[in-house]
Amino acid sequence: MKKILIVDDANYFRKKTEKFLMNNGFTVVMAENGEQAIKKYKEESPDLVLMDITMPEIDGITATKIIIEYDSQAKVCMLSCMGQGHIIEACREAGADDFIEKPYDDDKLLAYLKRTLEEI
């Protein structure tokens, strides 16, 4: 089973996404902020990270940069309601593979995960 790290400061979103992913055969690890995300990434070596942008401690863009510096092969997808062009560009510059706007469509997220994880 592929392991996904969900990073979001909103407990509701983490739980909702965890349930969706587990129901679709994924193993799930969770973090509440960018600082925890970096620690969990190093401990758990997930196959993919779903990363929020606006969080306490360390924001998602900074956490993505640090994770990519640690593991240049890391797969990070930003999940955020902040879908403005300059934000998406900053995510890509940080090393994110993709950007999915919240609230996400279940089918689109699942298709993205399957497509991306087949490459690994």
PDB file of N, CA and C in Angstrom:
ATOM      1  N   MET A   1       0.831  -1.190   0.000  1.00  0.00           N
ATOM      2  CA  MET A   1       0.000   0.000   0.000  1.00  0.00           C
ATOM      3  C   MET A   1       0.871   1.248   0.000  1.00  0.00           C
ATOM      4  N   LYS A   2       0.442   2.225  -0.765  1.00  0.00           N
ATOM      5  CA  LYS A   2       1.158   3.499  -0.818  1.00  0.00           C
ATOM      6  C   LYS A   2       0.801   4.334   0.404  1.00  0.00           C
ATOM      7  N   LYS A   3       1.807   5.058   0.917  1.00  0.00           N
ATOM      8  CA  LYS A   3       1.629   5.867   2.120  1.00  0.00           C
ATOM      9  C   LYS A   3       1.544   7.343   1.738  1.00  0.00           C
ATOM     10  N   ILE A   4       0.500   8.007   2.243  1.00  0.00           N
ATOM     11  CA  ILE A   4       0.270   9.422   1.983  1.00  0.00           C
ATOM     12  C   ILE A   4       0.388  10.193   3.294  1.00  0.00           C
ATOM     13  N   LEU A   5       1.119  11.301   3.270  1.00  0.00           N
ATOM     14  CA  LEU A   5       1.211  12.213   4.409  1.00  0.00           C
ATOM     15  C   LEU A   5       0.271  13.383   4.139  1.00  0.00           C
ATOM     16  N   ILE A   6      -0.732  13.552   5.003  1.00  0.00           N
ATOM     17  CA  ILE A   6      -1.666  14.675   4.912  1.00  0.00           C
ATOM     18  C   ILE A   6      -1.197  15.746   5.882  1.00  0.00           C
ATOM     19  N   VAL A   7      -0.998  16.954   5.371  1.00  0.00           N
ATOM     20  CA  VAL A   7      -0.536  18.056   6.210  1.00  0.00           C
ATOM     21  C   VAL A   7      -1.544  19.191   6.114  1.00  0.00           C
ATOM     22  N   ASP A   8      -2.229  19.460   7.221  1.00  0.00           N
ATOM     23  CA  ASP A   8      -3.227  20.535   7.246  1.00  0.00           C
ATOM     24  C   ASP A   8      -3.498  20.885   8.698  1.00  0.00           C
ATOM     25  N   ASP A   9      -3.650  22.175   8.992  1.00  0.00           N
ATOM     26  CA  ASP A   9      -3.924  22.577  10.365  1.00  0.00           C
ATOM     27  C   ASP A   9      -5.398  22.400  10.733  1.00  0.00           C
ATOM     28  N   ALA A  10      -6.263  22.162   9.759  1.00  0.00           N
ATOM     29  CA  ALA A  10      -7.689  21.955  10.025  1.00  0.00           C
ATOM     30  C   ALA A  10      -7.959  20.468  10.284  1.00  0.00           C
ATOM     31  N   ASN A  11      -8.317  20.149  11.516  1.00  0.00           N
ATOM     32  CA  ASN A  11      -8.570  18.767  11.904  1.00  0.00           C
ATOM     33  C   ASN A  11      -9.654  18.133  11.030  1.00  0.00           C
ATOM     34  N   TYR A  12     -10.708  18.873  10.748  1.00  0.00           N
ATOM     35  CA  TYR A  12     -11.797  18.355   9.920  1.00  0.00           C
ATOM     36  C   TYR A  12     -11.270  17.900   8.559  1.00  0.00           C
ATOM     37  N   PHE A  13     -10.437  18.727   7.944  1.00  0.00           N
ATOM     38  CA  PHE A  13      -9.919  18.382   6.619  1.00  0.00           C
ATOM     39  C   PHE A  13      -9.011  17.157   6.694  1.00  0.00           C
ATOM     40  N   ARG A  14      -8.148  17.089   7.716  1.00  0.00           N
ATOM     41  CA  ARG A  14      -7.272  15.919   7.867  1.00  0.00           C
ATOM     42  C   ARG A  14      -8.095  14.646   7.999  1.00  0.00           C
ATOM     43  N   LYS A  15      -9.109  14.681   8.876  1.00  0.00           N
ATOM     44  CA  LYS A  15      -9.935  13.489   9.118  1.00  0.00           C
ATOM     45  C   LYS A  15     -10.727  13.095   7.870  1.00  0.00           C
ATOM     46  N   LYS A  16     -11.301  14.063   7.184  1.00  0.00           N
ATOM     47  CA  LYS A  16     -12.076  13.798   5.967  1.00  0.00           C
ATOM     48  C   LYS A  16     -11.186  13.161   4.899  1.00  0.00           C
ATOM     49  N   THR A  17     -10.007  13.725   4.725  1.00  0.00           N
ATOM     50  CA  THR A  17      -9.085  13.221   3.707  1.00  0.00           C
ATOM     51  C   THR A  17      -8.530  11.862   4.109  1.00  0.00           C
ATOM     52  N   GLU A  18      -8.248  11.682   5.406  1.00  0.00           N
ATOM     53  CA  GLU A  18      -7.776  10.386   5.896  1.00  0.00           C
ATOM     54  C   GLU A  18      -8.794   9.295   5.580  1.00  0.00           C
ATOM     55  N   LYS A  19     -10.056   9.550   5.894  1.00  0.00           N
ATOM     56  CA  LYS A  19     -11.109   8.561   5.645  1.00  0.00           C
ATOM     57  C   LYS A  19     -11.212   8.234   4.150  1.00  0.00           C
ATOM     58  N   PHE A  20     -11.197   9.274   3.317  1.00  0.00           N
ATOM     59  CA  PHE A  20     -11.277   9.081   1.866  1.00  0.00           C
ATOM     60  C   PHE A  20     -10.107   8.235   1.365  1.00  0.00           C
ATOM     61  N   LEU A  21      -8.897   8.557   1.804  1.00  0.00           N
ATOM     62  CA  LEU A  21      -7.711   7.828   1.334  1.00  0.00           C
ATOM     63  C   LEU A  21      -7.703   6.387   1.835  1.00  0.00           C
ATOM     64  N   MET A  22      -8.040   6.194   3.096  1.00  0.00           N
ATOM     65  CA  MET A  22      -8.055   4.833   3.640  1.00  0.00           C
ATOM     66  C   MET A  22      -9.112   3.971   2.943  1.00  0.00           C
ATOM     67  N   ASN A  23     -10.259   4.564   2.630  1.00  0.00           N
ATOM     68  CA  ASN A  23     -11.309   3.838   1.911  1.00  0.00           C
ATOM     69  C   ASN A  23     -10.872   3.466   0.491  1.00  0.00           C
ATOM     70  N   ASN A  24      -9.836   4.136  -0.003  1.00  0.00           N
ATOM     71  CA  ASN A  24      -9.327   3.860  -1.345  1.00  0.00           C
ATOM     72  C   ASN A  24      -7.994   3.106  -1.318  1.00  0.00           C
ATOM     73  N   GLY A  25      -7.677   2.509  -0.160  1.00  0.00           N
ATOM     74  CA  GLY A  25      -6.542   1.599  -0.087  1.00  0.00           C
ATOM     75  C   GLY A  25      -5.194   2.205   0.226  1.00  0.00           C
ATOM     76  N   PHE A  26      -5.165   3.433   0.712  1.00  0.00           N
ATOM     77  CA  PHE A  26      -3.887   4.064   1.055  1.00  0.00           C
ATOM     78  C   PHE A  26      -3.637   3.979   2.555  1.00  0.00           C
ATOM     79  N   THR A  27      -2.372   3.973   2.933  1.00  0.00           N
ATOM     80  CA  THR A  27      -1.963   4.133   4.317  1.00  0.00           C
ATOM     81  C   THR A  27      -1.793   5.634   4.535  1.00  0.00           C
ATOM     82  N   VAL A  28      -2.182   6.124   5.704  1.00  0.00           N
ATOM     83  CA  VAL A  28      -2.185   7.564   5.942  1.00  0.00           C
ATOM     84  C   VAL A  28      -1.379   7.917   7.186  1.00  0.00           C
ATOM     85  N   VAL A  29      -0.601   8.996   7.066  1.00  0.00           N
ATOM     86  CA  VAL A  29       0.116   9.619   8.171  1.00  0.00           C
ATOM     87  C   VAL A  29      -0.322  11.081   8.157  1.00  0.00           C
ATOM     88  N   MET A  30      -0.433  11.701   9.330  1.00  0.00           N
ATOM     89  CA  MET A  30      -0.915  13.081   9.360  1.00  0.00           C
ATOM     90  C   MET A  30      -0.007  14.000  10.168  1.00  0.00           C
ATOM     91  N   ALA A  31      -0.041  15.280   9.761  1.00  0.00           N
ATOM     92  CA  ALA A  31       0.684  16.328  10.470  1.00  0.00           C
ATOM     93  C   ALA A  31      -0.185  17.583  10.480  1.00  0.00           C
ATOM     94  N   GLU A  32      -0.042  18.397  11.540  1.00  0.00           N
ATOM     95  CA  GLU A  32      -0.868  19.594  11.706  1.00  0.00           C
ATOM     96  C   GLU A  32      -0.222  20.865  11.182  1.00  0.00           C
ATOM     97  N   ASN A  33       1.068  20.836  10.900  1.00  0.00           N
ATOM     98  CA  ASN A  33       1.746  22.041  10.417  1.00  0.00           C
ATOM     99  C   ASN A  33       3.025  21.636   9.673  1.00  0.00           C
ATOM    100  N   GLY A  34       3.683  22.612   9.090  1.00  0.00           N
ATOM    101  CA  GLY A  34       4.876  22.331   8.304  1.00  0.00           C
ATOM    102  C   GLY A  34       6.019  21.738   9.101  1.00  0.00           C
ATOM    103  N   GLU A  35       6.162  22.173  10.335  1.00  0.00           N
ATOM    104  CA  GLU A  35       7.233  21.638  11.183  1.00  0.00           C
ATOM    105  C   GLU A  35       7.028  20.139  11.414  1.00  0.00           C
ATOM    106  N   GLN A  36       5.793  19.749  11.752  1.00  0.00           N
ATOM    107  CA  GLN A  36       5.488  18.332  11.930  1.00  0.00           C
ATOM    108  C   GLN A  36       5.629  17.565  10.617  1.00  0.00           C
ATOM    109  N   ALA A  37       5.264  18.223   9.517  1.00  0.00           N
ATOM    110  CA  ALA A  37       5.347  17.568   8.200  1.00  0.00           C
ATOM    111  C   ALA A  37       6.774  17.145   7.883  1.00  0.00           C
ATOM    112  N   ILE A  38       7.721  18.021   8.147  1.00  0.00           N
ATOM    113  CA  ILE A  38       9.130  17.724   7.866  1.00  0.00           C
ATOM    114  C   ILE A  38       9.580  16.537   8.719  1.00  0.00           C
ATOM    115  N   LYS A  39       9.226  16.585   9.999  1.00  0.00           N
ATOM    116  CA  LYS A  39       9.594  15.500  10.923  1.00  0.00           C
ATOM    117  C   LYS A  39       8.962  14.179  10.478  1.00  0.00           C
ATOM    118  N   LYS A  40       7.660  14.198  10.182  1.00  0.00           N
ATOM    119  CA  LYS A  40       6.954  12.981   9.770  1.00  0.00           C
ATOM    120  C   LYS A  40       7.497  12.451   8.440  1.00  0.00           C
ATOM    121  N   TYR A  41       7.854  13.355   7.536  1.00  0.00           N
ATOM    122  CA  TYR A  41       8.397  12.913   6.249  1.00  0.00           C
ATOM    123  C   TYR A  41       9.681  12.120   6.480  1.00  0.00           C
ATOM    124  N   LYS A  42      10.543  12.657   7.316  1.00  0.00           N
ATOM    125  CA  LYS A  42      11.817  11.985   7.585  1.00  0.00           C
ATOM    126  C   LYS A  42      11.619  10.659   8.318  1.00  0.00           C
ATOM    127  N   GLU A  43      10.641  10.581   9.205  1.00  0.00           N
ATOM    128  CA  GLU A  43      10.375   9.356   9.972  1.00  0.00           C
ATOM    129  C   GLU A  43       9.657   8.285   9.148  1.00  0.00           C
ATOM    130  N   GLU A  44       8.697   8.705   8.328  1.00  0.00           N
ATOM    131  CA  GLU A  44       7.771   7.780   7.683  1.00  0.00           C
ATOM    132  C   GLU A  44       8.059   7.486   6.210  1.00  0.00           C
ATOM    133  N   SER A  45       8.839   8.346   5.552  1.00  0.00           N
ATOM    134  CA  SER A  45       9.129   8.197   4.116  1.00  0.00           C
ATOM    135  C   SER A  45       7.868   7.912   3.288  1.00  0.00           C
ATOM    136  N   PRO A  46       6.902   8.831   3.317  1.00  0.00           N
ATOM    137  CA  PRO A  46       5.677   8.593   2.554  1.00  0.00           C
ATOM    138  C   PRO A  46       5.941   8.648   1.048  1.00  0.00           C
ATOM    139  N   ASP A  47       5.040   8.031   0.296  1.00  0.00           N
ATOM    140  CA  ASP A  47       5.155   8.041  -1.159  1.00  0.00           C
ATOM    141  C   ASP A  47       4.726   9.372  -1.754  1.00  0.00           C
ATOM    142  N   LEU A  48       3.856  10.100  -1.026  1.00  0.00           N
ATOM    143  CA  LEU A  48       3.355  11.370  -1.519  1.00  0.00           C
ATOM    144  C   LEU A  48       2.879  12.208  -0.347  1.00  0.00           C
ATOM    145  N   VAL A  49       2.988  13.529  -0.489  1.00  0.00           N
ATOM    146  CA  VAL A  49       2.545  14.463   0.544  1.00  0.00           C
ATOM    147  C   VAL A  49       1.436  15.337  -0.035  1.00  0.00           C
ATOM    148  N   LEU A  50       0.331  15.456   0.707  1.00  0.00           N
ATOM    149  CA  LEU A  50      -0.725  16.413   0.389  1.00  0.00           C
ATOM    150  C   LEU A  50      -0.566  17.547   1.393  1.00  0.00           C
ATOM    151  N   MET A  51      -0.169  18.741   0.908  1.00  0.00           N
ATOM    152  CA  MET A  51       0.283  19.831   1.774  1.00  0.00           C
ATOM    153  C   MET A  51      -0.593  21.067   1.650  1.00  0.00           C
ATOM    154  N   ASP A  52      -1.124  21.518   2.785  1.00  0.00           N
ATOM    155  CA  ASP A  52      -1.826  22.802   2.843  1.00  0.00           C
ATOM    156  C   ASP A  52      -0.770  23.908   2.785  1.00  0.00           C
ATOM    157  N   ILE A  53      -1.190  25.134   2.506  1.00  0.00           N
ATOM    158  CA  ILE A  53      -0.232  26.238   2.433  1.00  0.00           C
ATOM    159  C   ILE A  53      -0.193  27.030   3.728  1.00  0.00           C
ATOM    160  N   THR A  54      -1.335  27.540   4.171  1.00  0.00           N
ATOM    161  CA  THR A  54      -1.377  28.426   5.329  1.00  0.00           C
ATOM    162  C   THR A  54      -1.547  27.615   6.602  1.00  0.00           C
ATOM    163  N   MET A  55      -0.451  27.551   7.389  1.00  0.00           N
ATOM    164  CA  MET A  55      -0.444  26.790   8.638  1.00  0.00           C
ATOM    165  C   MET A  55       0.469  27.481   9.636  1.00  0.00           C
ATOM    166  N   PRO A  56       0.264  27.217  10.942  1.00  0.00           N
ATOM    167  CA  PRO A  56       1.174  27.773  11.952  1.00  0.00           C
ATOM    168  C   PRO A  56       2.534  27.072  11.918  1.00  0.00           C
ATOM    169  N   GLU A  57       3.458  27.618  12.643  1.00  0.00           N
ATOM    170  CA  GLU A  57       4.831  27.112  12.757  1.00  0.00           C
ATOM    171  C   GLU A  57       5.599  27.326  11.450  1.00  0.00           C
ATOM    172  N   ILE A  58       5.450  26.423  10.503  1.00  0.00           N
ATOM    173  CA  ILE A  58       6.093  26.549   9.189  1.00  0.00           C
ATOM    174  C   ILE A  58       5.009  26.372   8.135  1.00  0.00           C
ATOM    175  N   ASP A  59       4.918  27.317   7.191  1.00  0.00           N
ATOM    176  CA  ASP A  59       3.886  27.227   6.159  1.00  0.00           C
ATOM    177  C   ASP A  59       4.213  26.116   5.162  1.00  0.00           C
ATOM    178  N   GLY A  60       3.240  25.764   4.337  1.00  0.00           N
ATOM    179  CA  GLY A  60       3.385  24.655   3.411  1.00  0.00           C
ATOM    180  C   GLY A  60       4.427  24.859   2.331  1.00  0.00           C
ATOM    181  N   ILE A  61       4.578  26.086   1.867  1.00  0.00           N
ATOM    182  CA  ILE A  61       5.578  26.343   0.823  1.00  0.00           C
ATOM    183  C   ILE A  61       6.983  26.147   1.380  1.00  0.00           C
ATOM    184  N   THR A  62       7.239  26.680   2.568  1.00  0.00           N
ATOM    185  CA  THR A  62       8.553  26.514   3.198  1.00  0.00           C
ATOM    186  C   THR A  62       8.807  25.045   3.522  1.00  0.00           C
ATOM    187  N   ALA A  63       7.795  24.360   4.052  1.00  0.00           N
ATOM    188  CA  ALA A  63       7.951  22.935   4.381  1.00  0.00           C
ATOM    189  C   ALA A  63       8.244  22.128   3.120  1.00  0.00           C
ATOM    190  N   THR A  64       7.588  22.477   2.025  1.00  0.00           N
ATOM    191  CA  THR A  64       7.842  21.769   0.763  1.00  0.00           C
ATOM    192  C   THR A  64       9.289  21.957   0.329  1.00  0.00           C
ATOM    193  N   LYS A  65       9.799  23.180   0.410  1.00  0.00           N
ATOM    194  CA  LYS A  65      11.203  23.448   0.051  1.00  0.00           C
ATOM    195  C   LYS A  65      12.143  22.576   0.881  1.00  0.00           C
ATOM    196  N   ILE A  66      11.893  22.493   2.178  1.00  0.00           N
ATOM    197  CA  ILE A  66      12.758  21.728   3.076  1.00  0.00           C
ATOM    198  C   ILE A  66      12.671  20.232   2.767  1.00  0.00           C
ATOM    199  N   ILE A  67      11.475  19.739   2.511  1.00  0.00           N
ATOM    200  CA  ILE A  67      11.307  18.318   2.175  1.00  0.00           C
ATOM    201  C   ILE A  67      12.014  17.999   0.862  1.00  0.00           C
ATOM    202  N   ILE A  68      11.894  18.856  -0.136  1.00  0.00           N
ATOM    203  CA  ILE A  68      12.547  18.638  -1.431  1.00  0.00           C
ATOM    204  C   ILE A  68      14.069  18.711  -1.282  1.00  0.00           C
ATOM    205  N   GLU A  69      14.561  19.598  -0.432  1.00  0.00           N
ATOM    206  CA  GLU A  69      16.010  19.654  -0.174  1.00  0.00           C
ATOM    207  C   GLU A  69      16.480  18.348   0.474  1.00  0.00           C
ATOM    208  N   TYR A  70      15.668  17.790   1.361  1.00  0.00           N
ATOM    209  CA  TYR A  70      15.992  16.539   2.044  1.00  0.00           C
ATOM    210  C   TYR A  70      15.907  15.351   1.087  1.00  0.00           C
ATOM    211  N   ASP A  71      14.884  15.350   0.219  1.00  0.00           N
ATOM    212  CA  ASP A  71      14.653  14.255  -0.719  1.00  0.00           C
ATOM    213  C   ASP A  71      14.188  14.833  -2.052  1.00  0.00           C
ATOM    214  N   SER A  72      15.103  14.934  -2.984  1.00  0.00           N
ATOM    215  CA  SER A  72      14.784  15.564  -4.272  1.00  0.00           C
ATOM    216  C   SER A  72      13.743  14.777  -5.067  1.00  0.00           C
ATOM    217  N   GLN A  73      13.484  13.531  -4.685  1.00  0.00           N
ATOM    218  CA  GLN A  73      12.490  12.705  -5.382  1.00  0.00           C
ATOM    219  C   GLN A  73      11.108  12.784  -4.715  1.00  0.00           C
ATOM    220  N   ALA A  74      10.973  13.574  -3.661  1.00  0.00           N
ATOM    221  CA  ALA A  74       9.700  13.673  -2.944  1.00  0.00           C
ATOM    222  C   ALA A  74       8.595  14.159  -3.868  1.00  0.00           C
ATOM    223  N   LYS A  75       7.412  13.586  -3.681  1.00  0.00           N
ATOM    224  CA  LYS A  75       6.219  13.987  -4.434  1.00  0.00           C
ATOM    225  C   LYS A  75       5.334  14.790  -3.485  1.00  0.00           C
ATOM    226  N   VAL A  76       5.127  16.064  -3.818  1.00  0.00           N
ATOM    227  CA  VAL A  76       4.313  16.938  -2.987  1.00  0.00           C
ATOM    228  C   VAL A  76       3.231  17.576  -3.848  1.00  0.00           C
ATOM    229  N   CYS A  77       1.998  17.469  -3.394  1.00  0.00           N
ATOM    230  CA  CYS A  77       0.875  18.131  -4.048  1.00  0.00           C
ATOM    231  C   CYS A  77       0.282  19.113  -3.043  1.00  0.00           C
ATOM    232  N   MET A  78       0.170  20.357  -3.448  1.00  0.00           N
ATOM    233  CA  MET A  78      -0.421  21.366  -2.585  1.00  0.00           C
ATOM    234  C   MET A  78      -1.940  21.262  -2.685  1.00  0.00           C
ATOM    235  N   LEU A  79      -2.602  21.249  -1.537  1.00  0.00           N
ATOM    236  CA  LEU A  79      -4.065  21.280  -1.469  1.00  0.00           C
ATOM    237  C   LEU A  79      -4.427  22.532  -0.696  1.00  0.00           C
ATOM    238  N   SER A  80      -5.007  23.513  -1.389  1.00  0.00           N
ATOM    239  CA  SER A  80      -5.292  24.773  -0.724  1.00  0.00           C
ATOM    240  C   SER A  80      -6.428  25.506  -1.402  1.00  0.00           C
ATOM    241  N   CYS A  81      -7.090  26.356  -0.641  1.00  0.00           N
ATOM    242  CA  CYS A  81      -8.122  27.199  -1.229  1.00  0.00           C
ATOM    243  C   CYS A  81      -7.504  28.466  -1.811  1.00  0.00           C
ATOM    244  N   MET A  82      -6.205  28.641  -1.648  1.00  0.00           N
ATOM    245  CA  MET A  82      -5.500  29.812  -2.173  1.00  0.00           C
ATOM    246  C   MET A  82      -4.989  29.513  -3.587  1.00  0.00           C
ATOM    247  N   GLY A  83      -5.886  29.594  -4.575  1.00  0.00           N
ATOM    248  CA  GLY A  83      -5.554  29.180  -5.927  1.00  0.00           C
ATOM    249  C   GLY A  83      -5.120  30.291  -6.869  1.00  0.00           C
ATOM    250  N   GLN A  84      -4.669  31.428  -6.349  1.00  0.00           N
ATOM    251  CA  GLN A  84      -4.219  32.506  -7.218  1.00  0.00           C
ATOM    252  C   GLN A  84      -2.943  32.106  -7.950  1.00  0.00           C
ATOM    253  N   GLY A  85      -2.762  32.657  -9.140  1.00  0.00           N
ATOM    254  CA  GLY A  85      -1.626  32.303  -9.987  1.00  0.00           C
ATOM    255  C   GLY A  85      -0.281  32.438  -9.315  1.00  0.00           C
ATOM    256  N   HIS A  86      -0.048  33.536  -8.595  1.00  0.00           N
ATOM    257  CA  HIS A  86       1.257  33.742  -7.959  1.00  0.00           C
ATOM    258  C   HIS A  86       1.497  32.725  -6.838  1.00  0.00           C
ATOM    259  N   ILE A  87       0.443  32.295  -6.173  1.00  0.00           N
ATOM    260  CA  ILE A  87       0.581  31.274  -5.126  1.00  0.00           C
ATOM    261  C   ILE A  87       0.952  29.931  -5.759  1.00  0.00           C
ATOM    262  N   ILE A  88       0.262  29.578  -6.831  1.00  0.00           N
ATOM    263  CA  ILE A  88       0.549  28.313  -7.526  1.00  0.00           C
ATOM    264  C   ILE A  88       1.980  28.316  -8.041  1.00  0.00           C
ATOM    265  N   GLU A  89       2.425  29.443  -8.577  1.00  0.00           N
ATOM    266  CA  GLU A  89       3.804  29.548  -9.073  1.00  0.00           C
ATOM    267  C   GLU A  89       4.812  29.381  -7.926  1.00  0.00           C
ATOM    268  N   ALA A  90       4.526  29.972  -6.770  1.00  0.00           N
ATOM    269  CA  ALA A  90       5.418  29.831  -5.602  1.00  0.00           C
ATOM    270  C   ALA A  90       5.489  28.370  -5.159  1.00  0.00           C
ATOM    271  N   CYS A  91       4.376  27.663  -5.242  1.00  0.00           N
ATOM    272  CA  CYS A  91       4.355  26.237  -4.883  1.00  0.00           C
ATOM    273  C   CYS A  91       5.240  25.435  -5.831  1.00  0.00           C
ATOM    274  N   ARG A  92       5.129  25.719  -7.114  1.00  0.00           N
ATOM    275  CA  ARG A  92       5.943  25.000  -8.099  1.00  0.00           C
ATOM    276  C   ARG A  92       7.428  25.324  -7.912  1.00  0.00           C
ATOM    277  N   GLU A  93       7.730  26.580  -7.637  1.00  0.00           N
ATOM    278  CA  GLU A  93       9.129  26.968  -7.400  1.00  0.00           C
ATOM    279  C   GLU A  93       9.689  26.261  -6.166  1.00  0.00           C
ATOM    280  N   ALA A  94       8.834  25.980  -5.189  1.00  0.00           N
ATOM    281  CA  ALA A  94       9.269  25.282  -3.975  1.00  0.00           C
ATOM    282  C   ALA A  94       9.526  23.801  -4.237  1.00  0.00           C
ATOM    283  N   GLY A  95       8.996  23.295  -5.364  1.00  0.00           N
ATOM    284  CA  GLY A  95       9.220  21.895  -5.708  1.00  0.00           C
ATOM    285  C   GLY A  95       7.960  21.043  -5.751  1.00  0.00           C
ATOM    286  N   ALA A  96       6.794  21.668  -5.530  1.00  0.00           N
ATOM    287  CA  ALA A  96       5.543  20.907  -5.575  1.00  0.00           C
ATOM    288  C   ALA A  96       5.285  20.394  -6.989  1.00  0.00           C
ATOM    289  N   ASP A  97       4.763  19.176  -7.067  1.00  0.00           N
ATOM    290  CA  ASP A  97       4.443  18.567  -8.361  1.00  0.00           C
ATOM    291  C   ASP A  97       3.149  19.102  -8.944  1.00  0.00           C
ATOM    292  N   ASP A  98       2.219  19.444  -8.065  1.00  0.00           N
ATOM    293  CA  ASP A  98       0.906  19.845  -8.550  1.00  0.00           C
ATOM    294  C   ASP A  98       0.209  20.690  -7.493  1.00  0.00           C
ATOM    295  N   PHE A  99      -0.936  21.251  -7.883  1.00  0.00           N
ATOM    296  CA  PHE A  99      -1.743  22.086  -7.003  1.00  0.00           C
ATOM    297  C   PHE A  99      -3.194  21.705  -7.233  1.00  0.00           C
ATOM    298  N   ILE A 100      -3.890  21.315  -6.174  1.00  0.00           N
ATOM    299  CA  ILE A 100      -5.309  20.998  -6.266  1.00  0.00           C
ATOM    300  C   ILE A 100      -6.043  21.935  -5.306  1.00  0.00           C
ATOM    301  N   GLU A 101      -7.046  22.617  -5.843  1.00  0.00           N
ATOM    302  CA  GLU A 101      -7.778  23.591  -5.046  1.00  0.00           C
ATOM    303  C   GLU A 101      -8.806  22.911  -4.143  1.00  0.00           C
ATOM    304  N   LYS A 102      -8.890  23.394  -2.898  1.00  0.00           N
ATOM    305  CA  LYS A 102      -9.891  22.917  -1.950  1.00  0.00           C
ATOM    306  C   LYS A 102     -11.150  23.754  -2.104  1.00  0.00           C
ATOM    307  N   PRO A 103     -12.320  23.208  -1.912  1.00  0.00           N
ATOM    308  CA  PRO A 103     -12.547  21.806  -1.624  1.00  0.00           C
ATOM    309  C   PRO A 103     -12.279  20.963  -2.870  1.00  0.00           C
ATOM    310  N   TYR A 104     -11.553  19.884  -2.698  1.00  0.00           N
ATOM    311  CA  TYR A 104     -11.173  19.057  -3.843  1.00  0.00           C
ATOM    312  C   TYR A 104     -12.315  18.128  -4.253  1.00  0.00           C
ATOM    313  N   ASP A 105     -12.297  17.750  -5.510  1.00  0.00           N
ATOM    314  CA  ASP A 105     -13.228  16.772  -6.052  1.00  0.00           C
ATOM    315  C   ASP A 105     -12.614  15.392  -5.817  1.00  0.00           C
ATOM    316  N   ASP A 106     -13.339  14.490  -5.164  1.00  0.00           N
ATOM    317  CA  ASP A 106     -12.810  13.166  -4.822  1.00  0.00           C
ATOM    318  C   ASP A 106     -12.249  12.434  -6.033  1.00  0.00           C
ATOM    319  N   ASP A 107     -12.994  12.430  -7.120  1.00  0.00           N
ATOM    320  CA  ASP A 107     -12.561  11.699  -8.316  1.00  0.00           C
ATOM    321  C   ASP A 107     -11.276  12.282  -8.901  1.00  0.00           C
ATOM    322  N   LYS A 108     -11.179  13.616  -8.901  1.00  0.00           N
ATOM    323  CA  LYS A 108      -9.968  14.254  -9.448  1.00  0.00           C
ATOM    324  C   LYS A 108      -8.761  13.966  -8.561  1.00  0.00           C
ATOM    325  N   LEU A 109      -8.947  14.011  -7.252  1.00  0.00           N
ATOM    326  CA  LEU A 109      -7.837  13.726  -6.339  1.00  0.00           C
ATOM    327  C   LEU A 109      -7.389  12.279  -6.498  1.00  0.00           C
ATOM    328  N   LEU A 110      -8.336  11.362  -6.549  1.00  0.00           N
ATOM    329  CA  LEU A 110      -7.994   9.948  -6.701  1.00  0.00           C
ATOM    330  C   LEU A 110      -7.273   9.693  -8.026  1.00  0.00           C
ATOM    331  N   ALA A 111      -7.731  10.320  -9.104  1.00  0.00           N
ATOM    332  CA  ALA A 111      -7.080  10.162 -10.407  1.00  0.00           C
ATOM    333  C   ALA A 111      -5.652  10.708 -10.347  1.00  0.00           C
ATOM    334  N   TYR A 112      -5.465  11.860  -9.698  1.00  0.00           N
ATOM    335  CA  TYR A 112      -4.119  12.433  -9.546  1.00  0.00           C
ATOM    336  C   TYR A 112      -3.214  11.466  -8.768  1.00  0.00           C
ATOM    337  N   LEU A 113      -3.709  10.936  -7.657  1.00  0.00           N
ATOM    338  CA  LEU A 113      -2.901  10.040  -6.831  1.00  0.00           C
ATOM    339  C   LEU A 113      -2.502   8.783  -7.598  1.00  0.00           C
ATOM    340  N   LYS A 114      -3.452   8.184  -8.256  1.00  0.00           N
ATOM    341  CA  LYS A 114      -3.149   6.962  -9.018  1.00  0.00           C
ATOM    342  C   LYS A 114      -2.138   7.238 -10.120  1.00  0.00           C
ATOM    343  N   ARG A 115      -2.337   8.335 -10.853  1.00  0.00           N
ATOM    344  CA  ARG A 115      -1.418   8.692 -11.948  1.00  0.00           C
ATOM    345  C   ARG A 115      -0.011   8.980 -11.398  1.00  0.00           C
ATOM    346  N   THR A 116       0.065   9.752 -10.346  1.00  0.00           N
ATOM    347  CA  THR A 116       1.365  10.146  -9.792  1.00  0.00           C
ATOM    348  C   THR A 116       2.074   8.964  -9.144  1.00  0.00           C
ATOM    349  N   LEU A 117       1.348   8.143  -8.407  1.00  0.00           N
ATOM    350  CA  LEU A 117       1.972   7.038  -7.688  1.00  0.00           C
ATOM    351  C   LEU A 117       2.360   5.889  -8.609  1.00  0.00           C
ATOM    352  N   GLU A 118       1.771   5.804  -9.779  1.00  0.00           N
ATOM    353  CA  GLU A 118       2.199   4.794 -10.761  1.00  0.00           C
ATOM    354  C   GLU A 118       3.612   5.071 -11.257  1.00  0.00           C
ATOM    355  N   GLU A 119       4.021   6.342 -11.195  1.00  0.00           N
ATOM    356  CA  GLU A 119       5.357   6.727 -11.660  1.00  0.00           C
ATOM    357  C   GLU A 119       6.445   6.273 -10.701  1.00  0.00           C
ATOM    358  N   ILE A 120       6.073   5.987  -9.466  1.00  0.00           N
ATOM    359  CA  ILE A 120       7.067   5.642  -8.436  1.00  0.00           C
ATOM    360  C   ILE A 120       7.454   4.177  -8.549  1.00  0.00           C
TER     361      ILE A 120
END
